[in-house]
Amino acid sequence: MAFLGKNVFGKLNKTDENIVSFVEKKVDEKRMHFLKELLEHNGFEIIIQDIPGKTEEDPTLYNVATTDLVFNPTTFVYQRRLLTLDGRKVTPAYWNQETDDTSPQYYER
């Protein structure tokens, strides 16, 4: 998912009193597990919201949110404030699950 560059706040449902900061919306199960594991490793409380498909054939999608309203994926990734499970700094390519390489370059020639 592309970085939005801003915090996206909201409620998980209309009756919920708590406001959350959305990490990503409408992601598949694999992406949801990746984000949940990575962010919980970095000390964030993560809330997952299921979005059932409109038909039985449609996959279930997920909203990934955190209770930390300061969390902004763009800021935390580009300032290299997140760590992988083995202690390396998260890069944009790692965040987007394009590679497991976490070398400090943001682009390649």
Protein backbone atom coordinates (compact mmCIF):
# COMPACT_ATOMS: atom_id res chain seq x y z
CA MET A 1 0.00 0.00 0.00
CA ALA A 2 1.23 3.48 -0.77
CA PHE A 3 2.03 5.75 2.13
CA LEU A 4 -0.65 8.37 2.68
CA GLY A 5 1.63 10.86 4.43
CA LYS A 6 -0.96 11.71 7.06
CA ASN A 7 -2.62 10.09 10.02
CA VAL A 8 -5.98 8.51 9.32
CA PHE A 9 -8.15 8.58 12.43
CA GLY A 10 -11.57 7.17 13.00
CA LYS A 11 -13.81 4.78 14.89
CA LEU A 12 -13.94 1.09 14.10
CA ASN A 13 -17.72 1.22 14.15
CA LYS A 14 -20.42 3.77 14.79
CA THR A 15 -21.11 2.66 18.35
CA ASP A 16 -17.45 2.61 19.41
CA GLU A 17 -16.36 5.47 21.66
CA ASN A 18 -12.62 5.04 21.07
CA ILE A 19 -10.79 6.71 18.23
CA VAL A 20 -8.01 4.74 16.56
CA SER A 21 -5.26 5.50 14.09
CA PHE A 22 -5.66 3.30 11.02
CA VAL A 23 -2.46 1.67 9.82
CA GLU A 24 -4.00 0.24 6.63
CA LYS A 25 -7.54 -0.45 5.51
CA LYS A 26 -8.99 -3.34 3.52
CA VAL A 27 -5.92 -5.56 3.47
CA ASP A 28 -5.82 -9.31 2.92
CA GLU A 29 -5.16 -11.83 5.68
CA LYS A 30 -1.44 -12.25 4.87
CA ARG A 31 -0.82 -8.48 5.02
CA MET A 32 -2.86 -8.18 8.22
CA HIS A 33 -0.75 -10.84 9.96
CA PHE A 34 2.48 -9.19 8.76
CA LEU A 35 1.47 -5.75 10.08
CA LYS A 36 0.07 -7.11 13.35
CA GLU A 37 3.21 -9.09 14.13
CA LEU A 38 5.57 -6.26 13.15
CA LEU A 39 3.75 -3.54 15.07
CA GLU A 40 3.13 -5.61 18.19
CA HIS A 41 6.86 -6.42 18.20
CA ASN A 42 7.46 -2.64 18.24
CA GLY A 43 5.18 -2.14 21.24
CA PHE A 44 1.93 -0.99 19.61
CA GLU A 45 -1.49 -2.25 20.64
CA ILE A 46 -3.15 -3.43 17.43
CA ILE A 47 -6.86 -3.78 16.75
CA ILE A 48 -8.08 -5.84 13.81
CA GLN A 49 -11.50 -5.31 12.27
CA ASP A 50 -12.92 -7.97 9.94
CA ILE A 51 -14.72 -6.81 6.81
CA PRO A 52 -16.69 -9.78 5.48
CA GLY A 53 -17.02 -10.19 1.73
CA LYS A 54 -20.31 -9.32 0.10
CA THR A 55 -20.64 -12.88 -1.18
CA GLU A 56 -19.23 -16.17 0.07
CA GLU A 57 -16.65 -16.16 -2.74
CA ASP A 58 -15.29 -12.74 -1.76
CA PRO A 59 -12.39 -12.91 0.68
CA THR A 60 -12.58 -11.34 4.11
CA LEU A 61 -10.59 -8.12 4.30
CA TYR A 62 -9.22 -6.42 7.39
CA ASN A 63 -8.70 -2.96 8.80
CA VAL A 64 -5.53 -2.72 10.89
CA ALA A 65 -5.56 0.02 13.53
CA THR A 66 -3.63 1.05 16.61
CA THR A 67 -4.72 2.77 19.77
CA ASP A 68 -1.62 5.01 19.55
CA LEU A 69 -2.95 8.15 17.85
CA VAL A 70 0.58 9.43 17.24
CA PHE A 71 1.44 6.47 14.99
CA ASN A 72 1.87 7.42 11.33
CA PRO A 73 3.30 4.66 9.09
CA THR A 74 5.05 7.13 6.78
CA THR A 75 6.83 8.89 9.62
CA PHE A 76 7.79 5.76 11.52
CA VAL A 77 9.16 3.97 8.43
CA TYR A 78 11.10 6.87 6.90
CA GLN A 79 12.52 7.92 10.26
CA ARG A 80 13.52 4.25 10.69
CA ARG A 81 11.81 3.99 14.08
CA LEU A 82 10.45 0.47 13.53
CA LEU A 83 12.48 -2.70 13.94
CA THR A 84 12.02 -6.07 12.27
CA LEU A 85 11.54 -9.16 14.42
CA ASP A 86 15.30 -9.80 14.22
CA GLY A 87 16.27 -6.22 15.14
CA ARG A 88 16.97 -4.61 11.76
CA LYS A 89 15.45 -1.23 10.86
CA VAL A 90 12.34 -1.34 8.67
CA THR A 91 12.65 0.25 5.22
CA PRO A 92 9.83 1.22 2.86
CA ALA A 93 10.50 -1.87 0.72
CA TYR A 94 10.34 -4.11 3.78
CA TRP A 95 7.13 -2.41 4.98
CA ASN A 96 5.54 -3.00 1.57
CA GLN A 97 6.71 -6.63 1.66
CA GLU A 98 8.70 -6.18 -1.54
CA THR A 99 11.93 -7.54 -0.03
CA ASP A 100 13.45 -8.81 3.19
CA ASP A 101 16.53 -6.66 2.58
CA THR A 102 16.72 -3.74 5.01
CA SER A 103 19.79 -1.96 3.73
CA PRO A 104 19.56 1.79 4.34
CA GLN A 105 18.99 2.81 0.71
CA TYR A 106 15.47 3.84 -0.19
CA TYR A 107 15.99 3.30 -3.89
CA GLU A 108 18.28 1.47 -6.26
CA ARG A 109 20.05 2.80 -9.29
